[in-house]
Amino acid sequence: MIKTNHYRSRIQQRGVLQSTVDLAIAYGSKRGDKFILGKKQLKVVLAELDQLRKQVLKAVDQGGVVAVESEGCLITAYRLDSFSKSLANGKST
């Protein structure tokens, strides 16, 4: 998004961080030409991040995952460290 000189000077004068404006654009509610991000929405975002963090930590514990898709359809999934190239190539170990 293009930033005007007026915008740049106002956020500097008002002590508004660019990262906070980015959050308002990403997670705030749009009303007319405004993006509004209040404490309620910020708490919802934090709850979503907490849930995402839990999911990421579980994925780390599993060692990662591979999901196989073809033409918009999920075919299979497996743990990243469970794949054996030698078994896939028909070779026995």
PDB file of N, CA and C in Angstrom:
ATOM      1  N   MET A   1       0.841  -1.166   0.000  1.00  0.00           N
ATOM      2  CA  MET A   1       0.000   0.000   0.000  1.00  0.00           C
ATOM      3  C   MET A   1       0.898   1.245   0.000  1.00  0.00           C
ATOM      4  N   ILE A   2       0.546   2.225  -0.786  1.00  0.00           N
ATOM      5  CA  ILE A   2       1.320   3.467  -0.865  1.00  0.00           C
ATOM      6  C   ILE A   2       1.110   4.287   0.401  1.00  0.00           C
ATOM      7  N   LYS A   3       2.199   4.853   0.905  1.00  0.00           N
ATOM      8  CA  LYS A   3       2.136   5.679   2.114  1.00  0.00           C
ATOM      9  C   LYS A   3       2.441   7.124   1.736  1.00  0.00           C
ATOM     10  N   THR A   4       1.540   8.030   2.094  1.00  0.00           N
ATOM     11  CA  THR A   4       1.743   9.437   1.781  1.00  0.00           C
ATOM     12  C   THR A   4       2.683  10.081   2.805  1.00  0.00           C
ATOM     13  N   ASN A   5       3.214  11.238   2.457  1.00  0.00           N
ATOM     14  CA  ASN A   5       4.042  11.992   3.398  1.00  0.00           C
ATOM     15  C   ASN A   5       3.225  12.382   4.625  1.00  0.00           C
ATOM     16  N   HIS A   6       1.961  12.709   4.409  1.00  0.00           N
ATOM     17  CA  HIS A   6       1.072  13.058   5.523  1.00  0.00           C
ATOM     18  C   HIS A   6       0.967  11.881   6.495  1.00  0.00           C
ATOM     19  N   TYR A   7       0.759  10.689   5.963  1.00  0.00           N
ATOM     20  CA  TYR A   7       0.666   9.479   6.781  1.00  0.00           C
ATOM     21  C   TYR A   7       1.949   9.276   7.578  1.00  0.00           C
ATOM     22  N   ARG A   8       3.082   9.362   6.893  1.00  0.00           N
ATOM     23  CA  ARG A   8       4.370   9.135   7.559  1.00  0.00           C
ATOM     24  C   ARG A   8       4.591  10.127   8.708  1.00  0.00           C
ATOM     25  N   SER A   9       4.287  11.392   8.474  1.00  0.00           N
ATOM     26  CA  SER A   9       4.501  12.384   9.530  1.00  0.00           C
ATOM     27  C   SER A   9       3.512  12.183  10.684  1.00  0.00           C
ATOM     28  N   ARG A  10       2.272  11.794  10.392  1.00  0.00           N
ATOM     29  CA  ARG A  10       1.277  11.613  11.454  1.00  0.00           C
ATOM     30  C   ARG A  10       1.604  10.425  12.348  1.00  0.00           C
ATOM     31  N   ILE A  11       2.007   9.305  11.764  1.00  0.00           N
ATOM     32  CA  ILE A  11       2.324   8.169  12.644  1.00  0.00           C
ATOM     33  C   ILE A  11       3.551   8.486  13.494  1.00  0.00           C
ATOM     34  N   GLN A  12       4.474   9.251  12.947  1.00  0.00           N
ATOM     35  CA  GLN A  12       5.648   9.641  13.729  1.00  0.00           C
ATOM     36  C   GLN A  12       5.242  10.581  14.862  1.00  0.00           C
ATOM     37  N   GLN A  13       4.411  11.577  14.564  1.00  0.00           N
ATOM     38  CA  GLN A  13       3.957  12.533  15.582  1.00  0.00           C
ATOM     39  C   GLN A  13       3.148  11.851  16.675  1.00  0.00           C
ATOM     40  N   ARG A  14       2.361  10.850  16.297  1.00  0.00           N
ATOM     41  CA  ARG A  14       1.439  10.208  17.235  1.00  0.00           C
ATOM     42  C   ARG A  14       2.016   8.965  17.898  1.00  0.00           C
ATOM     43  N   GLY A  15       3.234   8.607  17.534  1.00  0.00           N
ATOM     44  CA  GLY A  15       3.886   7.454  18.148  1.00  0.00           C
ATOM     45  C   GLY A  15       3.240   6.131  17.782  1.00  0.00           C
ATOM     46  N   VAL A  16       2.646   6.059  16.589  1.00  0.00           N
ATOM     47  CA  VAL A  16       2.018   4.829  16.116  1.00  0.00           C
ATOM     48  C   VAL A  16       3.059   4.042  15.322  1.00  0.00           C
ATOM     49  N   LEU A  17       3.243   2.780  15.663  1.00  0.00           N
ATOM     50  CA  LEU A  17       4.208   1.942  14.958  1.00  0.00           C
ATOM     51  C   LEU A  17       3.622   1.429  13.644  1.00  0.00           C
ATOM     52  N   GLN A  18       4.469   1.321  12.632  1.00  0.00           N
ATOM     53  CA  GLN A  18       4.033   0.767  11.352  1.00  0.00           C
ATOM     54  C   GLN A  18       3.528  -0.653  11.540  1.00  0.00           C
ATOM     55  N   SER A  19       4.163  -1.406  12.426  1.00  0.00           N
ATOM     56  CA  SER A  19       3.740  -2.789  12.658  1.00  0.00           C
ATOM     57  C   SER A  19       2.328  -2.849  13.242  1.00  0.00           C
ATOM     58  N   THR A  20       1.949  -1.848  14.041  1.00  0.00           N
ATOM     59  CA  THR A  20       0.598  -1.804  14.596  1.00  0.00           C
ATOM     60  C   THR A  20      -0.417  -1.502  13.500  1.00  0.00           C
ATOM     61  N   VAL A  21      -0.066  -0.617  12.595  1.00  0.00           N
ATOM     62  CA  VAL A  21      -0.938  -0.314  11.456  1.00  0.00           C
ATOM     63  C   VAL A  21      -1.094  -1.565  10.592  1.00  0.00           C
ATOM     64  N   ASP A  22      -0.006  -2.298  10.388  1.00  0.00           N
ATOM     65  CA  ASP A  22      -0.068  -3.541   9.611  1.00  0.00           C
ATOM     66  C   ASP A  22      -1.022  -4.540  10.262  1.00  0.00           C
ATOM     67  N   LEU A  23      -0.993  -4.622  11.593  1.00  0.00           N
ATOM     68  CA  LEU A  23      -1.925  -5.500  12.307  1.00  0.00           C
ATOM     69  C   LEU A  23      -3.366  -5.054  12.095  1.00  0.00           C
ATOM     70  N   ALA A  24      -3.599  -3.742  12.130  1.00  0.00           N
ATOM     71  CA  ALA A  24      -4.954  -3.229  11.927  1.00  0.00           C
ATOM     72  C   ALA A  24      -5.464  -3.593  10.538  1.00  0.00           C
ATOM     73  N   ILE A  25      -4.600  -3.506   9.550  1.00  0.00           N
ATOM     74  CA  ILE A  25      -5.000  -3.845   8.180  1.00  0.00           C
ATOM     75  C   ILE A  25      -5.268  -5.347   8.058  1.00  0.00           C
ATOM     76  N   ALA A  26      -4.436  -6.155   8.709  1.00  0.00           N
ATOM     77  CA  ALA A  26      -4.567  -7.611   8.593  1.00  0.00           C
ATOM     78  C   ALA A  26      -5.715  -8.171   9.433  1.00  0.00           C
ATOM     79  N   TYR A  27      -5.917  -7.652  10.643  1.00  0.00           N
ATOM     80  CA  TYR A  27      -6.854  -8.276  11.569  1.00  0.00           C
ATOM     81  C   TYR A  27      -8.008  -7.387  12.003  1.00  0.00           C
ATOM     82  N   GLY A  28      -7.947  -6.116  11.675  1.00  0.00           N
ATOM     83  CA  GLY A  28      -8.993  -5.198  12.099  1.00  0.00           C
ATOM     84  C   GLY A  28     -10.250  -5.334  11.253  1.00  0.00           C
ATOM     85  N   SER A  29     -11.292  -4.653  11.701  1.00  0.00           N
ATOM     86  CA  SER A  29     -12.525  -4.648  10.913  1.00  0.00           C
ATOM     87  C   SER A  29     -12.518  -3.399  10.039  1.00  0.00           C
ATOM     88  N   LYS A  30     -12.958  -3.575   8.802  1.00  0.00           N
ATOM     89  CA  LYS A  30     -12.970  -2.463   7.852  1.00  0.00           C
ATOM     90  C   LYS A  30     -14.339  -1.804   7.898  1.00  0.00           C
ATOM     91  N   ARG A  31     -14.335  -0.519   8.165  1.00  0.00           N
ATOM     92  CA  ARG A  31     -15.574   0.273   8.189  1.00  0.00           C
ATOM     93  C   ARG A  31     -15.354   1.472   7.289  1.00  0.00           C
ATOM     94  N   GLY A  32     -15.964   1.399   6.110  1.00  0.00           N
ATOM     95  CA  GLY A  32     -15.741   2.457   5.128  1.00  0.00           C
ATOM     96  C   GLY A  32     -14.298   2.432   4.672  1.00  0.00           C
ATOM     97  N   ASP A  33     -13.602   3.536   4.891  1.00  0.00           N
ATOM     98  CA  ASP A  33     -12.201   3.609   4.486  1.00  0.00           C
ATOM     99  C   ASP A  33     -11.246   3.441   5.672  1.00  0.00           C
ATOM    100  N   LYS A  34     -11.743   2.931   6.795  1.00  0.00           N
ATOM    101  CA  LYS A  34     -10.937   2.771   8.011  1.00  0.00           C
ATOM    102  C   LYS A  34     -10.740   1.302   8.351  1.00  0.00           C
ATOM    103  N   PHE A  35      -9.593   1.015   8.948  1.00  0.00           N
ATOM    104  CA  PHE A  35      -9.312  -0.293   9.535  1.00  0.00           C
ATOM    105  C   PHE A  35      -9.267  -0.081  11.041  1.00  0.00           C
ATOM    106  N   ILE A  36     -10.153  -0.728  11.781  1.00  0.00           N
ATOM    107  CA  ILE A  36     -10.252  -0.513  13.220  1.00  0.00           C
ATOM    108  C   ILE A  36      -9.841  -1.790  13.939  1.00  0.00           C
ATOM    109  N   LEU A  37      -8.863  -1.640  14.822  1.00  0.00           N
ATOM    110  CA  LEU A  37      -8.357  -2.776  15.602  1.00  0.00           C
ATOM    111  C   LEU A  37      -8.372  -2.392  17.073  1.00  0.00           C
ATOM    112  N   GLY A  38      -9.326  -2.943  17.797  1.00  0.00           N
ATOM    113  CA  GLY A  38      -9.467  -2.646  19.221  1.00  0.00           C
ATOM    114  C   GLY A  38      -8.924  -3.763  20.084  1.00  0.00           C
ATOM    115  N   LYS A  39      -9.054  -3.586  21.399  1.00  0.00           N
ATOM    116  CA  LYS A  39      -8.528  -4.570  22.342  1.00  0.00           C
ATOM    117  C   LYS A  39      -9.197  -5.928  22.185  1.00  0.00           C
ATOM    118  N   LYS A  40     -10.510  -5.942  21.883  1.00  0.00           N
ATOM    119  CA  LYS A  40     -11.205  -7.221  21.712  1.00  0.00           C
ATOM    120  C   LYS A  40     -10.606  -8.011  20.558  1.00  0.00           C
ATOM    121  N   GLN A  41     -10.407  -7.332  19.425  1.00  0.00           N
ATOM    122  CA  GLN A  41      -9.831  -8.026  18.273  1.00  0.00           C
ATOM    123  C   GLN A  41      -8.403  -8.479  18.563  1.00  0.00           C
ATOM    124  N   LEU A  42      -7.647  -7.650  19.283  1.00  0.00           N
ATOM    125  CA  LEU A  42      -6.272  -8.023  19.623  1.00  0.00           C
ATOM    126  C   LEU A  42      -6.244  -9.253  20.517  1.00  0.00           C
ATOM    127  N   LYS A  43      -7.191  -9.365  21.439  1.00  0.00           N
ATOM    128  CA  LYS A  43      -7.257 -10.545  22.311  1.00  0.00           C
ATOM    129  C   LYS A  43      -7.622 -11.786  21.502  1.00  0.00           C
ATOM    130  N   VAL A  44      -8.481 -11.623  20.497  1.00  0.00           N
ATOM    131  CA  VAL A  44      -8.834 -12.747  19.622  1.00  0.00           C
ATOM    132  C   VAL A  44      -7.599 -13.198  18.843  1.00  0.00           C
ATOM    133  N   VAL A  45      -6.832 -12.239  18.331  1.00  0.00           N
ATOM    134  CA  VAL A  45      -5.606 -12.567  17.593  1.00  0.00           C
ATOM    135  C   VAL A  45      -4.625 -13.296  18.500  1.00  0.00           C
ATOM    136  N   LEU A  46      -4.477 -12.825  19.736  1.00  0.00           N
ATOM    137  CA  LEU A  46      -3.583 -13.505  20.681  1.00  0.00           C
ATOM    138  C   LEU A  46      -4.034 -14.939  20.953  1.00  0.00           C
ATOM    139  N   ALA A  47      -5.332 -15.144  21.110  1.00  0.00           N
ATOM    140  CA  ALA A  47      -5.850 -16.496  21.338  1.00  0.00           C
ATOM    141  C   ALA A  47      -5.562 -17.390  20.134  1.00  0.00           C
ATOM    142  N   GLU A  48      -5.725 -16.844  18.929  1.00  0.00           N
ATOM    143  CA  GLU A  48      -5.426 -17.609  17.715  1.00  0.00           C
ATOM    144  C   GLU A  48      -3.940 -17.952  17.647  1.00  0.00           C
ATOM    145  N   LEU A  49      -3.088 -17.003  18.015  1.00  0.00           N
ATOM    146  CA  LEU A  49      -1.644 -17.261  18.018  1.00  0.00           C
ATOM    147  C   LEU A  49      -1.262 -18.308  19.053  1.00  0.00           C
ATOM    148  N   ASP A  50      -1.903 -18.251  20.226  1.00  0.00           N
ATOM    149  CA  ASP A  50      -1.641 -19.267  21.256  1.00  0.00           C
ATOM    150  C   ASP A  50      -2.000 -20.658  20.735  1.00  0.00           C
ATOM    151  N   GLN A  51      -3.152 -20.761  20.058  1.00  0.00           N
ATOM    152  CA  GLN A  51      -3.585 -22.046  19.502  1.00  0.00           C
ATOM    153  C   GLN A  51      -2.614 -22.504  18.407  1.00  0.00           C
ATOM    154  N   LEU A  52      -2.198 -21.579  17.553  1.00  0.00           N
ATOM    155  CA  LEU A  52      -1.247 -21.915  16.493  1.00  0.00           C
ATOM    156  C   LEU A  52       0.081 -22.374  17.084  1.00  0.00           C
ATOM    157  N   ARG A  53       0.525 -21.715  18.159  1.00  0.00           N
ATOM    158  CA  ARG A  53       1.773 -22.103  18.817  1.00  0.00           C
ATOM    159  C   ARG A  53       1.684 -23.545  19.333  1.00  0.00           C
ATOM    160  N   LYS A  54       0.556 -23.902  19.947  1.00  0.00           N
ATOM    161  CA  LYS A  54       0.373 -25.270  20.435  1.00  0.00           C
ATOM    162  C   LYS A  54       0.460 -26.271  19.287  1.00  0.00           C
ATOM    163  N   GLN A  55      -0.187 -25.937  18.172  1.00  0.00           N
ATOM    164  CA  GLN A  55      -0.177 -26.836  17.017  1.00  0.00           C
ATOM    165  C   GLN A  55       1.236 -26.976  16.447  1.00  0.00           C
ATOM    166  N   VAL A  56       1.972 -25.863  16.387  1.00  0.00           N
ATOM    167  CA  VAL A  56       3.345 -25.906  15.858  1.00  0.00           C
ATOM    168  C   VAL A  56       4.236 -26.737  16.775  1.00  0.00           C
ATOM    169  N   LEU A  57       4.098 -26.571  18.081  1.00  0.00           N
ATOM    170  CA  LEU A  57       4.906 -27.354  19.012  1.00  0.00           C
ATOM    171  C   LEU A  57       4.622 -28.845  18.877  1.00  0.00           C
ATOM    172  N   LYS A  58       3.356 -29.227  18.667  1.00  0.00           N
ATOM    173  CA  LYS A  58       3.024 -30.633  18.446  1.00  0.00           C
ATOM    174  C   LYS A  58       3.643 -31.142  17.151  1.00  0.00           C
ATOM    175  N   ALA A  59       3.630 -30.298  16.112  1.00  0.00           N
ATOM    176  CA  ALA A  59       4.224 -30.690  14.835  1.00  0.00           C
ATOM    177  C   ALA A  59       5.732 -30.870  14.979  1.00  0.00           C
ATOM    178  N   VAL A  60       6.369 -30.024  15.770  1.00  0.00           N
ATOM    179  CA  VAL A  60       7.809 -30.158  16.032  1.00  0.00           C
ATOM    180  C   VAL A  60       8.073 -31.483  16.750  1.00  0.00           C
ATOM    181  N   ASP A  61       7.248 -31.808  17.722  1.00  0.00           N
ATOM    182  CA  ASP A  61       7.402 -33.080  18.445  1.00  0.00           C
ATOM    183  C   ASP A  61       7.273 -34.272  17.505  1.00  0.00           C
ATOM    184  N   GLN A  62       6.427 -34.149  16.490  1.00  0.00           N
ATOM    185  CA  GLN A  62       6.241 -35.235  15.524  1.00  0.00           C
ATOM    186  C   GLN A  62       7.362 -35.267  14.486  1.00  0.00           C
ATOM    187  N   GLY A  63       8.204 -34.260  14.446  1.00  0.00           N
ATOM    188  CA  GLY A  63       9.314 -34.232  13.516  1.00  0.00           C
ATOM    189  C   GLY A  63       8.941 -33.701  12.144  1.00  0.00           C
ATOM    190  N   GLY A  64       7.793 -33.078  12.026  1.00  0.00           N
ATOM    191  CA  GLY A  64       7.346 -32.546  10.740  1.00  0.00           C
ATOM    192  C   GLY A  64       6.399 -33.519  10.062  1.00  0.00           C
ATOM    193  N   VAL A  65       5.793 -33.064   8.996  1.00  0.00           N
ATOM    194  CA  VAL A  65       4.808 -33.883   8.296  1.00  0.00           C
ATOM    195  C   VAL A  65       4.886 -33.600   6.796  1.00  0.00           C
ATOM    196  N   VAL A  66       4.531 -34.595   6.019  1.00  0.00           N
ATOM    197  CA  VAL A  66       4.406 -34.454   4.566  1.00  0.00           C
ATOM    198  C   VAL A  66       2.955 -34.729   4.224  1.00  0.00           C
ATOM    199  N   ALA A  67       2.335 -33.826   3.478  1.00  0.00           N
ATOM    200  CA  ALA A  67       0.979 -34.031   2.990  1.00  0.00           C
ATOM    201  C   ALA A  67       1.044 -34.083   1.476  1.00  0.00           C
ATOM    202  N   VAL A  68       0.426 -35.082   0.884  1.00  0.00           N
ATOM    203  CA  VAL A  68       0.461 -35.271  -0.564  1.00  0.00           C
ATOM    204  C   VAL A  68      -0.893 -34.885  -1.145  1.00  0.00           C
ATOM    205  N   GLU A  69      -0.846 -33.997  -2.153  1.00  0.00           N
ATOM    206  CA  GLU A  69      -2.056 -33.465  -2.787  1.00  0.00           C
ATOM    207  C   GLU A  69      -1.963 -33.635  -4.286  1.00  0.00           C
ATOM    208  N   SER A  70      -3.079 -33.906  -4.902  1.00  0.00           N
ATOM    209  CA  SER A  70      -3.155 -33.970  -6.353  1.00  0.00           C
ATOM    210  C   SER A  70      -4.502 -33.430  -6.792  1.00  0.00           C
ATOM    211  N   GLU A  71      -4.473 -32.460  -7.670  1.00  0.00           N
ATOM    212  CA  GLU A  71      -5.685 -31.859  -8.228  1.00  0.00           C
ATOM    213  C   GLU A  71      -6.660 -31.406  -7.142  1.00  0.00           C
ATOM    214  N   GLY A  72      -6.126 -30.781  -6.090  1.00  0.00           N
ATOM    215  CA  GLY A  72      -6.954 -30.240  -5.026  1.00  0.00           C
ATOM    216  C   GLY A  72      -7.473 -31.254  -4.024  1.00  0.00           C
ATOM    217  N   CYS A  73      -6.985 -32.495  -4.094  1.00  0.00           N
ATOM    218  CA  CYS A  73      -7.458 -33.555  -3.204  1.00  0.00           C
ATOM    219  C   CYS A  73      -6.282 -34.077  -2.377  1.00  0.00           C
ATOM    220  N   LEU A  74      -6.425 -34.098  -1.048  1.00  0.00           N
ATOM    221  CA  LEU A  74      -5.388 -34.673  -0.198  1.00  0.00           C
ATOM    222  C   LEU A  74      -5.439 -36.185  -0.313  1.00  0.00           C
ATOM    223  N   ILE A  75      -4.294 -36.785  -0.633  1.00  0.00           N
ATOM    224  CA  ILE A  75      -4.221 -38.221  -0.869  1.00  0.00           C
ATOM    225  C   ILE A  75      -3.731 -38.965   0.366  1.00  0.00           C
ATOM    226  N   THR A  76      -2.654 -38.463   0.971  1.00  0.00           N
ATOM    227  CA  THR A  76      -2.087 -39.126   2.145  1.00  0.00           C
ATOM    228  C   THR A  76      -1.266 -38.130   2.929  1.00  0.00           C
ATOM    229  N   ALA A  77      -0.850 -38.557   4.116  1.00  0.00           N
ATOM    230  CA  ALA A  77       0.033 -37.757   4.965  1.00  0.00           C
ATOM    231  C   ALA A  77       0.854 -38.703   5.813  1.00  0.00           C
ATOM    232  N   TYR A  78       2.085 -38.296   6.098  1.00  0.00           N
ATOM    233  CA  TYR A  78       2.948 -39.116   6.947  1.00  0.00           C
ATOM    234  C   TYR A  78       3.981 -38.230   7.618  1.00  0.00           C
ATOM    235  N   ARG A  79       4.548 -38.754   8.698  1.00  0.00           N
ATOM    236  CA  ARG A  79       5.592 -38.018   9.398  1.00  0.00           C
ATOM    237  C   ARG A  79       6.818 -37.902   8.507  1.00  0.00           C
ATOM    238  N   LEU A  80       7.467 -36.757   8.588  1.00  0.00           N
ATOM    239  CA  LEU A  80       8.610 -36.479   7.732  1.00  0.00           C
ATOM    240  C   LEU A  80       9.730 -37.488   7.916  1.00  0.00           C
ATOM    241  N   ASP A  81       9.990 -37.897   9.138  1.00  0.00           N
ATOM    242  CA  ASP A  81      11.101 -38.815   9.404  1.00  0.00           C
ATOM    243  C   ASP A  81      10.738 -40.287   9.213  1.00  0.00           C
ATOM    244  N   SER A  82       9.524 -40.583   8.759  1.00  0.00           N
ATOM    245  CA  SER A  82       9.119 -41.982   8.594  1.00  0.00           C
ATOM    246  C   SER A  82       9.375 -42.509   7.190  1.00  0.00           C
ATOM    247  N   PHE A  83       9.754 -41.648   6.264  1.00  0.00           N
ATOM    248  CA  PHE A  83       9.957 -42.061   4.881  1.00  0.00           C
ATOM    249  C   PHE A  83      11.324 -42.709   4.719  1.00  0.00           C
ATOM    250  N   SER A  84      11.347 -43.845   4.049  1.00  0.00           N
ATOM    251  CA  SER A  84      12.602 -44.556   3.789  1.00  0.00           C
ATOM    252  C   SER A  84      12.793 -44.637   2.283  1.00  0.00           C
ATOM    253  N   LYS A  85      13.853 -44.001   1.769  1.00  0.00           N
ATOM    254  CA  LYS A  85      14.131 -44.039   0.322  1.00  0.00           C
ATOM    255  C   LYS A  85      14.415 -45.457  -0.152  1.00  0.00           C
ATOM    256  N   SER A  86      15.125 -46.218   0.664  1.00  0.00           N
ATOM    257  CA  SER A  86      15.469 -47.576   0.225  1.00  0.00           C
ATOM    258  C   SER A  86      14.226 -48.453   0.111  1.00  0.00           C
ATOM    259  N   LEU A  87      13.263 -48.301   1.013  1.00  0.00           N
ATOM    260  CA  LEU A  87      12.033 -49.066   0.903  1.00  0.00           C
ATOM    261  C   LEU A  87      11.193 -48.596  -0.260  1.00  0.00           C
ATOM    262  N   ALA A  88      11.188 -47.301  -0.522  1.00  0.00           N
ATOM    263  CA  ALA A  88      10.419 -46.748  -1.615  1.00  0.00           C
ATOM    264  C   ALA A  88      10.977 -47.188  -2.952  1.00  0.00           C
ATOM    265  N   ASN A  89      12.282 -47.414  -3.034  1.00  0.00           N
ATOM    266  CA  ASN A  89      12.915 -47.854  -4.280  1.00  0.00           C
ATOM    267  C   ASN A  89      12.904 -49.375  -4.437  1.00  0.00           C
ATOM    268  N   GLY A  90      12.304 -50.089  -3.491  1.00  0.00           N
ATOM    269  CA  GLY A  90      12.212 -51.543  -3.588  1.00  0.00           C
ATOM    270  C   GLY A  90      13.421 -52.269  -3.055  1.00  0.00           C
ATOM    271  N   LYS A  91      14.342 -51.565  -2.449  1.00  0.00           N
ATOM    272  CA  LYS A  91      15.543 -52.184  -1.888  1.00  0.00           C
ATOM    273  C   LYS A  91      15.296 -52.531  -0.425  1.00  0.00           C
ATOM    274  N   SER A  92      15.763 -53.654  -0.010  1.00  0.00           N
ATOM    275  CA  SER A  92      15.641 -54.020   1.400  1.00  0.00           C
ATOM    276  C   SER A  92      16.927 -53.669   2.122  1.00  0.00           C
ATOM    277  N   THR A  93      16.799 -53.346   3.388  1.00  0.00           N
ATOM    278  CA  THR A  93      18.000 -53.002   4.165  1.00  0.00           C
ATOM    279  C   THR A  93      18.430 -54.090   5.078  1.00  0.00           C
TER     280      THR A  93
END
